[in-house]
PDB file of N, CA and C in Angstrom:
ATOM      1  N   UNK A   1     129.258  56.052 181.630  1.00  0.00           N
ATOM      2  CA  UNK A   1     129.289  55.094 182.714  1.00  0.00           C
ATOM      3  C   UNK A   1     129.135  55.845 184.023  1.00  0.00           C
ATOM      4  N   UNK A   2     128.257  55.380 184.905  1.00  0.00           N
ATOM      5  CA  UNK A   2     128.107  56.005 186.207  1.00  0.00           C
ATOM      6  C   UNK A   2     129.084  55.364 187.183  1.00  0.00           C
ATOM      7  N   UNK A   3     129.529  56.164 188.122  1.00  0.00           N
ATOM      8  CA  UNK A   3     130.498  55.708 189.112  1.00  0.00           C
ATOM      9  C   UNK A   3     129.792  55.596 190.451  1.00  0.00           C
ATOM     10  N   UNK A   4     129.892  54.443 191.070  1.00  0.00           N
ATOM     11  CA  UNK A   4     129.277  54.202 192.356  1.00  0.00           C
ATOM     12  C   UNK A   4     130.368  54.152 193.418  1.00  0.00           C
ATOM     13  N   UNK A   5     130.447  55.159 194.300  1.00  0.00           N
ATOM     14  CA  UNK A   5     131.491  55.159 195.335  1.00  0.00           C
ATOM     15  C   UNK A   5     131.431  53.931 196.238  1.00  0.00           C
ATOM     16  N   UNK A   6     130.286  53.280 196.319  1.00  0.00           N
ATOM     17  CA  UNK A   6     130.172  52.082 197.151  1.00  0.00           C
ATOM     18  C   UNK A   6     131.000  50.928 196.604  1.00  0.00           C
ATOM     19  N   UNK A   7     131.398  51.017 195.331  1.00  0.00           N
ATOM     20  CA  UNK A   7     132.217  49.976 194.712  1.00  0.00           C
ATOM     21  C   UNK A   7     133.672  50.025 195.171  1.00  0.00           C
ATOM     22  N   UNK A   8     134.036  51.068 195.897  1.00  0.00           N
ATOM     23  CA  UNK A   8     135.433  51.247 196.304  1.00  0.00           C
ATOM     24  C   UNK A   8     135.857  50.130 197.241  1.00  0.00           C
ATOM     25  N   UNK A   9     136.951  49.465 196.897  1.00  0.00           N
ATOM     26  CA  UNK A   9     137.444  48.381 197.733  1.00  0.00           C
ATOM     27  C   UNK A   9     138.936  48.516 197.984  1.00  0.00           C
ATOM     28  N   UNK A  10     139.635  49.229 197.140  1.00  0.00           N
ATOM     29  CA  UNK A  10     141.078  49.361 197.258  1.00  0.00           C
ATOM     30  C   UNK A  10     141.425  50.403 198.325  1.00  0.00           C
ATOM     31  N   UNK A  11     142.616  50.296 198.892  1.00  0.00           N
ATOM     32  CA  UNK A  11     143.029  51.292 199.877  1.00  0.00           C
ATOM     33  C   UNK A  11     143.246  52.653 199.212  1.00  0.00           C
ATOM     34  N   UNK A  12     143.093  53.683 200.006  1.00  0.00           N
ATOM     35  CA  UNK A  12     143.288  55.019 199.453  1.00  0.00           C
ATOM     36  C   UNK A  12     144.782  55.336 199.343  1.00  0.00           C
ATOM     37  N   UNK A  13     145.083  56.233 198.440  1.00  0.00           N
ATOM     38  CA  UNK A  13     146.461  56.683 198.211  1.00  0.00           C
ATOM     39  C   UNK A  13     146.447  58.207 198.215  1.00  0.00           C
ATOM     40  N   UNK A  14     147.587  58.835 198.443  1.00  0.00           N
ATOM     41  CA  UNK A  14     147.618  60.295 198.408  1.00  0.00           C
ATOM     42  C   UNK A  14     147.183  60.832 197.037  1.00  0.00           C
ATOM     43  N   UNK A  15     146.361  61.868 197.060  1.00  0.00           N
ATOM     44  CA  UNK A  15     145.913  62.492 195.823  1.00  0.00           C
ATOM     45  C   UNK A  15     147.117  62.972 195.018  1.00  0.00           C
ATOM     46  N   UNK A  16     148.158  63.404 195.706  1.00  0.00           N
ATOM     47  CA  UNK A  16     149.360  63.867 195.009  1.00  0.00           C
ATOM     48  C   UNK A  16     149.945  62.768 194.134  1.00  0.00           C
ATOM     49  N   UNK A  17     149.917  61.523 194.613  1.00  0.00           N
ATOM     50  CA  UNK A  17     150.455  60.404 193.834  1.00  0.00           C
ATOM     51  C   UNK A  17     149.614  60.153 192.587  1.00  0.00           C
ATOM     52  N   UNK A  18     148.288  60.227 192.755  1.00  0.00           N
ATOM     53  CA  UNK A  18     147.397  60.035 191.609  1.00  0.00           C
ATOM     54  C   UNK A  18     147.604  61.168 190.598  1.00  0.00           C
ATOM     55  N   UNK A  19     147.670  62.379 191.089  1.00  0.00           N
ATOM     56  CA  UNK A  19     147.885  63.541 190.221  1.00  0.00           C
ATOM     57  C   UNK A  19     149.191  63.407 189.453  1.00  0.00           C
ATOM     58  N   UNK A  20     150.227  62.950 190.137  1.00  0.00           N
ATOM     59  CA  UNK A  20     151.522  62.752 189.489  1.00  0.00           C
ATOM     60  C   UNK A  20     151.430  61.689 188.398  1.00  0.00           C
ATOM     61  N   UNK A  21     150.708  60.604 188.660  1.00  0.00           N
ATOM     62  CA  UNK A  21     150.565  59.534 187.665  1.00  0.00           C
ATOM     63  C   UNK A  21     149.759  59.999 186.458  1.00  0.00           C
ATOM     64  N   UNK A  22     148.721  60.791 186.689  1.00  0.00           N
ATOM     65  CA  UNK A  22     147.953  61.328 185.562  1.00  0.00           C
ATOM     66  C   UNK A  22     148.860  62.234 184.731  1.00  0.00           C
ATOM     67  N   UNK A  23     149.682  63.033 185.399  1.00  0.00           N
ATOM     68  CA  UNK A  23     150.639  63.880 184.684  1.00  0.00           C
ATOM     69  C   UNK A  23     151.612  63.069 183.853  1.00  0.00           C
ATOM     70  N   UNK A  24     152.108  61.966 184.420  1.00  0.00           N
ATOM     71  CA  UNK A  24     153.010  61.080 183.674  1.00  0.00           C
ATOM     72  C   UNK A  24     152.318  60.508 182.447  1.00  0.00           C
ATOM     73  N   UNK A  25     151.067  60.087 182.618  1.00  0.00           N
ATOM     74  CA  UNK A  25     150.324  59.516 181.493  1.00  0.00           C
ATOM     75  C   UNK A  25     150.134  60.555 180.392  1.00  0.00           C
ATOM     76  N   UNK A  26     149.798  61.781 180.767  1.00  0.00           N
ATOM     77  CA  UNK A  26     149.654  62.853 179.778  1.00  0.00           C
ATOM     78  C   UNK A  26     150.984  63.137 179.083  1.00  0.00           C
ATOM     79  N   UNK A  27     152.053  63.077 179.832  1.00  0.00           N
ATOM     80  CA  UNK A  27     153.374  63.296 179.252  1.00  0.00           C
ATOM     81  C   UNK A  27     153.705  62.231 178.209  1.00  0.00           C
ATOM     82  N   UNK A  28     153.367  60.981 178.510  1.00  0.00           N
ATOM     83  CA  UNK A  28     153.609  59.893 177.548  1.00  0.00           C
ATOM     84  C   UNK A  28     152.777  60.092 176.278  1.00  0.00           C
ATOM     85  N   UNK A  29     151.533  60.518 176.444  1.00  0.00           N
ATOM     86  CA  UNK A  29     150.683  60.776 175.277  1.00  0.00           C
ATOM     87  C   UNK A  29     151.263  61.929 174.465  1.00  0.00           C
ATOM     88  N   UNK A  30     151.714  62.967 175.143  1.00  0.00           N
ATOM     89  CA  UNK A  30     152.327  64.102 174.447  1.00  0.00           C
ATOM     90  C   UNK A  30     153.562  63.702 173.668  1.00  0.00           C
ATOM     91  N   UNK A  31     154.381  62.832 174.264  1.00  0.00           N
ATOM     92  CA  UNK A  31     155.579  62.346 173.571  1.00  0.00           C
ATOM     93  C   UNK A  31     155.198  61.525 172.346  1.00  0.00           C
ATOM     94  N   UNK A  32     154.148  60.719 172.473  1.00  0.00           N
ATOM     95  CA  UNK A  32     153.690  59.914 171.338  1.00  0.00           C
ATOM     96  C   UNK A  32     153.177  60.807 170.214  1.00  0.00           C
ATOM     97  N   UNK A  33     152.447  61.849 170.573  1.00  0.00           N
ATOM     98  CA  UNK A  33     151.957  62.796 169.560  1.00  0.00           C
ATOM     99  C   UNK A  33     153.142  63.484 168.878  1.00  0.00           C
ATOM    100  N   UNK A  34     154.152  63.833 169.647  1.00  0.00           N
ATOM    101  CA  UNK A  34     155.338  64.482 169.065  1.00  0.00           C
ATOM    102  C   UNK A  34     156.063  63.544 168.094  1.00  0.00           C
ATOM    103  N   UNK A  35     156.175  62.258 168.481  1.00  0.00           N
ATOM    104  CA  UNK A  35     156.810  61.296 167.573  1.00  0.00           C
ATOM    105  C   UNK A  35     155.998  61.135 166.284  1.00  0.00           C
ATOM    106  N   UNK A  36     154.680  61.096 166.408  1.00  0.00           N
ATOM    107  CA  UNK A  36     153.829  61.000 165.215  1.00  0.00           C
ATOM    108  C   UNK A  36     153.975  62.236 164.341  1.00  0.00           C
ATOM    109  N   UNK A  37     154.066  63.386 164.985  1.00  0.00           N
ATOM    110  CA  UNK A  37     154.238  64.633 164.238  1.00  0.00           C
ATOM    111  C   UNK A  37     155.530  64.580 163.425  1.00  0.00           C
ATOM    112  N   UNK A  38     156.595  64.099 164.035  1.00  0.00           N
ATOM    113  CA  UNK A  38     157.873  63.986 163.327  1.00  0.00           C
ATOM    114  C   UNK A  38     157.772  63.027 162.148  1.00  0.00           C
ATOM    115  N   UNK A  39     156.980  61.975 162.327  1.00  0.00           N
ATOM    116  CA  UNK A  39     156.813  60.978 161.282  1.00  0.00           C
ATOM    117  C   UNK A  39     156.024  61.520 160.089  1.00  0.00           C
ATOM    118  N   UNK A  40     154.954  62.251 160.375  1.00  0.00           N
ATOM    119  CA  UNK A  40     154.093  62.709 159.276  1.00  0.00           C
ATOM    120  C   UNK A  40     154.483  64.070 158.723  1.00  0.00           C
ATOM    121  N   UNK A  41     155.379  64.785 159.391  1.00  0.00           N
ATOM    122  CA  UNK A  41     155.757  66.131 158.944  1.00  0.00           C
ATOM    123  C   UNK A  41     156.185  66.174 157.475  1.00  0.00           C
ATOM    124  N   UNK A  42     157.063  65.284 157.006  1.00  0.00           N
ATOM    125  CA  UNK A  42     157.463  65.362 155.599  1.00  0.00           C
ATOM    126  C   UNK A  42     156.277  65.189 154.645  1.00  0.00           C
ATOM    127  N   UNK A  43     155.323  64.327 155.008  1.00  0.00           N
ATOM    128  CA  UNK A  43     154.157  64.124 154.157  1.00  0.00           C
ATOM    129  C   UNK A  43     153.264  65.362 154.133  1.00  0.00           C
ATOM    130  N   UNK A  44     153.101  65.970 155.298  1.00  0.00           N
ATOM    131  CA  UNK A  44     152.247  67.162 155.383  1.00  0.00           C
ATOM    132  C   UNK A  44     152.893  68.331 154.642  1.00  0.00           C
ATOM    133  N   UNK A  45     154.187  68.484 154.762  1.00  0.00           N
ATOM    134  CA  UNK A  45     154.881  69.568 154.062  1.00  0.00           C
ATOM    135  C   UNK A  45     154.763  69.385 152.552  1.00  0.00           C
ATOM    136  N   UNK A  46     154.873  68.141 152.103  1.00  0.00           N
ATOM    137  CA  UNK A  46     154.689  67.851 150.680  1.00  0.00           C
ATOM    138  C   UNK A  46     153.261  68.201 150.246  1.00  0.00           C
ATOM    139  N   UNK A  47     152.288  67.820 151.063  1.00  0.00           N
ATOM    140  CA  UNK A  47     150.886  68.121 150.745  1.00  0.00           C
ATOM    141  C   UNK A  47     150.613  69.615 150.817  1.00  0.00           C
ATOM    142  N   UNK A  48     151.337  70.330 151.684  1.00  0.00           N
ATOM    143  CA  UNK A  48     151.142  71.776 151.825  1.00  0.00           C
ATOM    144  C   UNK A  48     151.543  72.533 150.566  1.00  0.00           C
ATOM    145  N   UNK A  49     152.404  71.921 149.757  1.00  0.00           N
ATOM    146  CA  UNK A  49     152.776  72.554 148.490  1.00  0.00           C
ATOM    147  C   UNK A  49     151.554  72.658 147.583  1.00  0.00           C
ATOM    148  N   UNK A  50     150.629  71.729 147.723  1.00  0.00           N
ATOM    149  CA  UNK A  50     149.391  71.744 146.940  1.00  0.00           C
ATOM    150  C   UNK A  50     148.271  72.505 147.638  1.00  0.00           C
ATOM    151  N   UNK A  51     148.265  72.422 148.993  1.00  0.00           N
ATOM    152  CA  UNK A  51     147.206  73.076 149.764  1.00  0.00           C
ATOM    153  C   UNK A  51     147.806  73.590 151.076  1.00  0.00           C
ATOM    154  N   UNK A  52     147.990  74.898 151.195  1.00  0.00           N
ATOM    155  CA  UNK A  52     148.628  75.473 152.389  1.00  0.00           C
ATOM    156  C   UNK A  52     147.888  75.165 153.698  1.00  0.00           C
ATOM    157  N   UNK A  53     146.635  74.792 153.635  1.00  0.00           N
ATOM    158  CA  UNK A  53     145.883  74.467 154.847  1.00  0.00           C
ATOM    159  C   UNK A  53     146.482  73.265 155.573  1.00  0.00           C
ATOM    160  N   UNK A  54     147.153  72.398 154.838  1.00  0.00           N
ATOM    161  CA  UNK A  54     147.755  71.222 155.461  1.00  0.00           C
ATOM    162  C   UNK A  54     148.879  71.608 156.421  1.00  0.00           C
ATOM    163  N   UNK A  55     149.590  72.663 156.117  1.00  0.00           N
ATOM    164  CA  UNK A  55     150.655  73.116 157.007  1.00  0.00           C
ATOM    165  C   UNK A  55     150.050  73.589 158.330  1.00  0.00           C
ATOM    166  N   UNK A  56     148.920  74.241 158.246  1.00  0.00           N
ATOM    167  CA  UNK A  56     148.210  74.692 159.452  1.00  0.00           C
ATOM    168  C   UNK A  56     147.826  73.475 160.311  1.00  0.00           C
ATOM    169  N   UNK A  57     147.414  72.394 159.682  1.00  0.00           N
ATOM    170  CA  UNK A  57     147.049  71.183 160.425  1.00  0.00           C
ATOM    171  C   UNK A  57     148.254  70.595 161.154  1.00  0.00           C
ATOM    172  N   UNK A  58     149.427  70.662 160.537  1.00  0.00           N
ATOM    173  CA  UNK A  58     150.639  70.197 161.202  1.00  0.00           C
ATOM    174  C   UNK A  58     150.945  71.081 162.409  1.00  0.00           C
ATOM    175  N   UNK A  59     150.720  72.386 162.278  1.00  0.00           N
ATOM    176  CA  UNK A  59     150.922  73.287 163.399  1.00  0.00           C
ATOM    177  C   UNK A  59     149.930  72.987 164.526  1.00  0.00           C
ATOM    178  N   UNK A  60     148.704  72.610 164.165  1.00  0.00           N
ATOM    179  CA  UNK A  60     147.716  72.223 165.167  1.00  0.00           C
ATOM    180  C   UNK A  60     148.170  70.971 165.920  1.00  0.00           C
ATOM    181  N   UNK A  61     148.773  70.043 165.200  1.00  0.00           N
ATOM    182  CA  UNK A  61     149.297  68.823 165.804  1.00  0.00           C
ATOM    183  C   UNK A  61     150.371  69.178 166.839  1.00  0.00           C
ATOM    184  N   UNK A  62     151.244  70.107 166.478  1.00  0.00           N
ATOM    185  CA  UNK A  62     152.286  70.562 167.384  1.00  0.00           C
ATOM    186  C   UNK A  62     151.667  71.237 168.610  1.00  0.00           C
ATOM    187  N   UNK A  63     150.622  72.012 168.388  1.00  0.00           N
ATOM    188  CA  UNK A  63     149.945  72.704 169.483  1.00  0.00           C
ATOM    189  C   UNK A  63     149.344  71.693 170.469  1.00  0.00           C
ATOM    190  N   UNK A  64     148.764  70.616 169.961  1.00  0.00           N
ATOM    191  CA  UNK A  64     148.210  69.565 170.822  1.00  0.00           C
ATOM    192  C   UNK A  64     149.321  68.953 171.670  1.00  0.00           C
ATOM    193  N   UNK A  65     150.451  68.678 171.057  1.00  0.00           N
ATOM    194  CA  UNK A  65     151.588  68.105 171.767  1.00  0.00           C
ATOM    195  C   UNK A  65     152.054  69.039 172.884  1.00  0.00           C
ATOM    196  N   UNK A  66     152.134  70.333 172.588  1.00  0.00           N
ATOM    197  CA  UNK A  66     152.553  71.310 173.588  1.00  0.00           C
ATOM    198  C   UNK A  66     151.558  71.400 174.738  1.00  0.00           C
ATOM    199  N   UNK A  67     150.260  71.372 174.426  1.00  0.00           N
ATOM    200  CA  UNK A  67     149.240  71.442 175.473  1.00  0.00           C
ATOM    201  C   UNK A  67     149.314  70.222 176.388  1.00  0.00           C
ATOM    202  N   UNK A  68     149.508  69.035 175.812  1.00  0.00           N
ATOM    203  CA  UNK A  68     149.626  67.830 176.626  1.00  0.00           C
ATOM    204  C   UNK A  68     150.825  67.925 177.564  1.00  0.00           C
ATOM    205  N   UNK A  69     151.951  68.398 177.060  1.00  0.00           N
ATOM    206  CA  UNK A  69     153.151  68.550 177.897  1.00  0.00           C
ATOM    207  C   UNK A  69     152.894  69.568 178.995  1.00  0.00           C
ATOM    208  N   UNK A  70     152.264  70.695 178.650  1.00  0.00           N
ATOM    209  CA  UNK A  70     151.979  71.719 179.660  1.00  0.00           C
ATOM    210  C   UNK A  70     151.029  71.199 180.740  1.00  0.00           C
ATOM    211  N   UNK A  71     150.000  70.445 180.352  1.00  0.00           N
ATOM    212  CA  UNK A  71     149.077  69.866 181.334  1.00  0.00           C
ATOM    213  C   UNK A  71     149.806  68.861 182.226  1.00  0.00           C
ATOM    214  N   UNK A  72     150.688  68.076 181.635  1.00  0.00           N
ATOM    215  CA  UNK A  72     151.474  67.115 182.415  1.00  0.00           C
ATOM    216  C   UNK A  72     152.359  67.844 183.422  1.00  0.00           C
ATOM    217  N   UNK A  73     153.013  68.903 182.976  1.00  0.00           N
ATOM    218  CA  UNK A  73     153.870  69.689 183.874  1.00  0.00           C
ATOM    219  C   UNK A  73     153.050  70.342 184.987  1.00  0.00           C
ATOM    220  N   UNK A  74     151.875  70.839 184.645  1.00  0.00           N
ATOM    221  CA  UNK A  74     150.987  71.456 185.629  1.00  0.00           C
ATOM    222  C   UNK A  74     150.599  70.448 186.712  1.00  0.00           C
ATOM    223  N   UNK A  75     150.193  69.249 186.284  1.00  0.00           N
ATOM    224  CA  UNK A  75     149.799  68.233 187.255  1.00  0.00           C
ATOM    225  C   UNK A  75     150.989  67.778 188.103  1.00  0.00           C
ATOM    226  N   UNK A  76     152.160  67.687 187.495  1.00  0.00           N
ATOM    227  CA  UNK A  76     153.356  67.328 188.253  1.00  0.00           C
ATOM    228  C   UNK A  76     153.684  68.374 189.308  1.00  0.00           C
ATOM    229  N   UNK A  77     153.552  69.648 188.950  1.00  0.00           N
ATOM    230  CA  UNK A  77     153.799  70.727 189.906  1.00  0.00           C
ATOM    231  C   UNK A  77     152.737  70.737 191.000  1.00  0.00           C
ATOM    232  N   UNK A  78     151.499  70.481 190.619  1.00  0.00           N
ATOM    233  CA  UNK A  78     150.408  70.426 191.587  1.00  0.00           C
ATOM    234  C   UNK A  78     150.629  69.283 192.579  1.00  0.00           C
ATOM    235  N   UNK A  79     151.107  68.158 192.080  1.00  0.00           N
ATOM    236  CA  UNK A  79     151.357  66.995 192.940  1.00  0.00           C
ATOM    237  C   UNK A  79     152.371  67.320 194.040  1.00  0.00           C
ATOM    238  N   UNK A  80     153.299  68.223 193.742  1.00  0.00           N
ATOM    239  CA  UNK A  80     154.328  68.568 194.721  1.00  0.00           C
ATOM    240  C   UNK A  80     153.781  69.362 195.904  1.00  0.00           C
ATOM    241  N   UNK A  81     152.641  70.022 195.723  1.00  0.00           N
ATOM    242  CA  UNK A  81     152.121  70.875 196.799  1.00  0.00           C
ATOM    243  C   UNK A  81     150.863  70.325 197.469  1.00  0.00           C
ATOM    244  N   UNK A  82     150.326  69.222 196.979  1.00  0.00           N
ATOM    245  CA  UNK A  82     149.135  68.637 197.598  1.00  0.00           C
ATOM    246  C   UNK A  82     149.519  67.941 198.906  1.00  0.00           C
ATOM    247  N   UNK A  83     148.752  68.165 199.960  1.00  0.00           N
ATOM    248  CA  UNK A  83     149.070  67.528 201.248  1.00  0.00           C
ATOM    249  C   UNK A  83     148.933  66.002 201.184  1.00  0.00           C
ATOM    250  N   UNK A  84     149.835  65.310 201.881  1.00  0.00           N
ATOM    251  CA  UNK A  84     149.825  63.847 201.895  1.00  0.00           C
ATOM    252  C   UNK A  84     148.572  63.277 202.557  1.00  0.00           C
ATOM    253  N   UNK A  85     147.946  64.041 203.438  1.00  0.00           N
ATOM    254  CA  UNK A  85     146.765  63.505 204.120  1.00  0.00           C
ATOM    255  C   UNK A  85     145.505  63.575 203.247  1.00  0.00           C
ATOM    256  N   UNK A  86     145.585  64.218 202.088  1.00  0.00           N
ATOM    257  CA  UNK A  86     144.475  64.194 201.139  1.00  0.00           C
ATOM    258  C   UNK A  86     144.594  62.885 200.369  1.00  0.00           C
ATOM    259  N   UNK A  87     143.665  61.985 200.581  1.00  0.00           N
ATOM    260  CA  UNK A  87     143.751  60.646 200.014  1.00  0.00           C
ATOM    261  C   UNK A  87     142.460  60.296 199.286  1.00  0.00           C
ATOM    262  N   UNK A  88     142.559  59.340 198.375  1.00  0.00           N
ATOM    263  CA  UNK A  88     141.386  58.827 197.678  1.00  0.00           C
ATOM    264  C   UNK A  88     141.666  57.441 197.151  1.00  0.00           C
ATOM    265  N   UNK A  89     140.609  56.772 196.735  1.00  0.00           N
ATOM    266  CA  UNK A  89     140.720  55.454 196.113  1.00  0.00           C
ATOM    267  C   UNK A  89     140.513  55.656 194.607  1.00  0.00           C
ATOM    268  N   UNK A  90     141.569  55.599 193.801  1.00  0.00           N
ATOM    269  CA  UNK A  90     141.424  55.856 192.368  1.00  0.00           C
ATOM    270  C   UNK A  90     140.780  54.712 191.591  1.00  0.00           C
ATOM    271  N   UNK A  91     140.571  53.563 192.223  1.00  0.00           N
ATOM    272  CA  UNK A  91     140.033  52.414 191.492  1.00  0.00           C
ATOM    273  C   UNK A  91     138.605  52.655 191.008  1.00  0.00           C
ATOM    274  N   UNK A  92     137.830  53.421 191.754  1.00  0.00           N
ATOM    275  CA  UNK A  92     136.454  53.703 191.340  1.00  0.00           C
ATOM    276  C   UNK A  92     136.460  54.526 190.048  1.00  0.00           C
ATOM    277  N   UNK A  93     137.228  55.597 190.024  1.00  0.00           N
ATOM    278  CA  UNK A  93     137.293  56.448 188.833  1.00  0.00           C
ATOM    279  C   UNK A  93     137.941  55.717 187.660  1.00  0.00           C
ATOM    280  N   UNK A  94     138.897  54.832 187.934  1.00  0.00           N
ATOM    281  CA  UNK A  94     139.604  54.119 186.870  1.00  0.00           C
ATOM    282  C   UNK A  94     138.710  53.136 186.132  1.00  0.00           C
ATOM    283  N   UNK A  95     137.551  52.836 186.674  1.00  0.00           N
ATOM    284  CA  UNK A  95     136.641  51.903 186.008  1.00  0.00           C
ATOM    285  C   UNK A  95     136.110  52.461 184.694  1.00  0.00           C
ATOM    286  N   UNK A  96     136.204  53.766 184.481  1.00  0.00           N
ATOM    287  CA  UNK A  96     135.745  54.345 183.215  1.00  0.00           C
ATOM    288  C   UNK A  96     136.818  54.226 182.135  1.00  0.00           C
ATOM    289  N   UNK A  97     138.043  53.855 182.514  1.00  0.00           N
ATOM    290  CA  UNK A  97     139.127  53.687 181.549  1.00  0.00           C
ATOM    291  C   UNK A  97     139.001  52.321 180.889  1.00  0.00           C
ATOM    292  N   UNK A  98     139.117  52.292 179.570  1.00  0.00           N
ATOM    293  CA  UNK A  98     138.985  51.016 178.874  1.00  0.00           C
ATOM    294  C   UNK A  98     140.339  50.375 178.549  1.00  0.00           C
ATOM    295  N   UNK A  99     141.408  51.093 178.695  1.00  0.00           N
ATOM    296  CA  UNK A  99     142.733  50.519 178.445  1.00  0.00           C
ATOM    297  C   UNK A  99     143.299  50.005 179.764  1.00  0.00           C
ATOM    298  N   UNK A 100     143.490  48.704 179.857  1.00  0.00           N
ATOM    299  CA  UNK A 100     143.885  48.067 181.105  1.00  0.00           C
ATOM    300  C   UNK A 100     145.206  48.595 181.636  1.00  0.00           C
ATOM    301  N   UNK A 101     146.195  48.821 180.766  1.00  0.00           N
ATOM    302  CA  UNK A 101     147.490  49.283 181.258  1.00  0.00           C
ATOM    303  C   UNK A 101     147.390  50.678 181.859  1.00  0.00           C
ATOM    304  N   UNK A 102     146.578  51.550 181.282  1.00  0.00           N
ATOM    305  CA  UNK A 102     146.385  52.884 181.830  1.00  0.00           C
ATOM    306  C   UNK A 102     145.635  52.802 183.157  1.00  0.00           C
ATOM    307  N   UNK A 103     144.617  51.976 183.206  1.00  0.00           N
ATOM    308  CA  UNK A 103     143.851  51.790 184.440  1.00  0.00           C
ATOM    309  C   UNK A 103     144.754  51.267 185.554  1.00  0.00           C
ATOM    310  N   UNK A 104     145.582  50.283 185.248  1.00  0.00           N
ATOM    311  CA  UNK A 104     146.494  49.724 186.243  1.00  0.00           C
ATOM    312  C   UNK A 104     147.479  50.775 186.741  1.00  0.00           C
ATOM    313  N   UNK A 105     148.006  51.574 185.829  1.00  0.00           N
ATOM    314  CA  UNK A 105     148.975  52.606 186.191  1.00  0.00           C
ATOM    315  C   UNK A 105     148.349  53.629 187.139  1.00  0.00           C
ATOM    316  N   UNK A 106     147.129  54.038 186.848  1.00  0.00           N
ATOM    317  CA  UNK A 106     146.484  55.081 187.648  1.00  0.00           C
ATOM    318  C   UNK A 106     145.896  54.558 188.957  1.00  0.00           C
ATOM    319  N   UNK A 107     145.778  53.240 189.101  1.00  0.00           N
ATOM    320  CA  UNK A 107     145.267  52.669 190.351  1.00  0.00           C
ATOM    321  C   UNK A 107     146.367  51.983 191.152  1.00  0.00           C
ATOM    322  N   UNK A 108     147.615  52.112 190.699  1.00  0.00           N
ATOM    323  CA  UNK A 108     148.767  51.557 191.399  1.00  0.00           C
ATOM    324  C   UNK A 108     148.700  50.039 191.478  1.00  0.00           C
ATOM    325  N   UNK A 109     148.075  49.415 190.479  1.00  0.00           N
ATOM    326  CA  UNK A 109     147.956  47.960 190.445  1.00  0.00           C
ATOM    327  C   UNK A 109     149.230  47.347 189.895  1.00  0.00           C
ATOM    328  N   UNK A 110     149.580  46.191 190.415  1.00  0.00           N
ATOM    329  CA  UNK A 110     150.719  45.436 189.884  1.00  0.00           C
ATOM    330  C   UNK A 110     150.320  44.826 188.553  1.00  0.00           C
ATOM    331  N   UNK A 111     151.291  44.440 187.751  1.00  0.00           N
ATOM    332  CA  UNK A 111     151.015  43.797 186.461  1.00  0.00           C
ATOM    333  C   UNK A 111     150.199  42.523 186.653  1.00  0.00           C
ATOM    334  N   UNK A 112     150.473  41.778 187.705  1.00  0.00           N
ATOM    335  CA  UNK A 112     149.735  40.540 187.941  1.00  0.00           C
ATOM    336  C   UNK A 112     148.267  40.816 188.244  1.00  0.00           C
ATOM    337  N   UNK A 113     147.976  41.951 188.900  1.00  0.00           N
ATOM    338  CA  UNK A 113     146.593  42.319 189.177  1.00  0.00           C
ATOM    339  C   UNK A 113     145.874  42.695 187.891  1.00  0.00           C
ATOM    340  N   UNK A 114     146.611  43.250 186.936  1.00  0.00           N
ATOM    341  CA  UNK A 114     146.019  43.690 185.689  1.00  0.00           C
ATOM    342  C   UNK A 114     145.518  42.556 184.820  1.00  0.00           C
ATOM    343  N   UNK A 115     146.009  41.354 185.053  1.00  0.00           N
ATOM    344  CA  UNK A 115     145.602  40.212 184.242  1.00  0.00           C
ATOM    345  C   UNK A 115     144.127  39.884 184.404  1.00  0.00           C
ATOM    346  N   UNK A 116     143.527  40.315 185.493  1.00  0.00           N
ATOM    347  CA  UNK A 116     142.119  40.032 185.719  1.00  0.00           C
ATOM    348  C   UNK A 116     141.222  41.147 185.198  1.00  0.00           C
ATOM    349  N   UNK A 117     141.812  42.219 184.718  1.00  0.00           N
ATOM    350  CA  UNK A 117     141.033  43.353 184.218  1.00  0.00           C
ATOM    351  C   UNK A 117     140.334  42.982 182.922  1.00  0.00           C
ATOM    352  N   UNK A 118     139.073  43.340 182.836  1.00  0.00           N
ATOM    353  CA  UNK A 118     138.319  43.076 181.612  1.00  0.00           C
ATOM    354  C   UNK A 118     138.835  43.997 180.522  1.00  0.00           C
ATOM    355  N   UNK A 119     139.266  43.461 179.386  1.00  0.00           N
ATOM    356  CA  UNK A 119     139.796  44.321 178.329  1.00  0.00           C
ATOM    357  C   UNK A 119     138.730  45.261 177.803  1.00  0.00           C
ATOM    358  N   UNK A 120     139.186  46.419 177.353  1.00  0.00           N
ATOM    359  CA  UNK A 120     138.272  47.413 176.812  1.00  0.00           C
ATOM    360  C   UNK A 120     138.379  47.485 175.301  1.00  0.00           C
ATOM    361  N   UNK A 121     137.884  48.568 174.774  1.00  0.00           N
ATOM    362  CA  UNK A 121     137.904  48.770 173.329  1.00  0.00           C
ATOM    363  C   UNK A 121     139.286  49.193 172.872  1.00  0.00           C
ATOM    364  N   UNK A 122     139.724  48.591 171.800  1.00  0.00           N
ATOM    365  CA  UNK A 122     140.976  48.968 171.173  1.00  0.00           C
ATOM    366  C   UNK A 122     140.870  48.589 169.711  1.00  0.00           C
ATOM    367  N   UNK A 123     141.116  49.538 168.856  1.00  0.00           N
ATOM    368  CA  UNK A 123     140.931  49.276 167.432  1.00  0.00           C
ATOM    369  C   UNK A 123     142.206  49.626 166.676  1.00  0.00           C
ATOM    370  N   UNK A 124     142.629  48.744 165.807  1.00  0.00           N
ATOM    371  CA  UNK A 124     143.778  48.992 164.943  1.00  0.00           C
ATOM    372  C   UNK A 124     143.299  49.148 163.521  1.00  0.00           C
ATOM    373  N   UNK A 125     144.034  49.955 162.761  1.00  0.00           N
ATOM    374  CA  UNK A 125     143.714  50.098 161.355  1.00  0.00           C
ATOM    375  C   UNK A 125     144.208  48.885 160.601  1.00  0.00           C
ATOM    376  N   UNK A 126     143.455  48.464 159.599  1.00  0.00           N
ATOM    377  CA  UNK A 126     143.878  47.337 158.772  1.00  0.00           C
ATOM    378  C   UNK A 126     144.481  47.823 157.485  1.00  0.00           C
TER     379      UNK A 126
END
């Protein structure tokens, strides 16, 4: 998707605030990955008895969780040192996000504003 800066209509916000929100979102994803890891760990350990490569995959899952947390912490620390006069309109960039709740969070939209957002792709397993 191409981004057209002329589409910007929302007021600008400090880049530090946007950076902090992206860090929060990454932190939530990292926590979700960690919860999934805890859920599947017993199954992977059981499978590792038959194939040791499965244990390595569980370690990779843990590594992903750690990287997400580290990136979230990095962005949170960066947000603390960014000048308040550095501002932007995150609504233009948020148009590439297909999950309405994530888009709303990163553009500082109220829940009522999110009701008009066109839903994106979301797939559940059957």
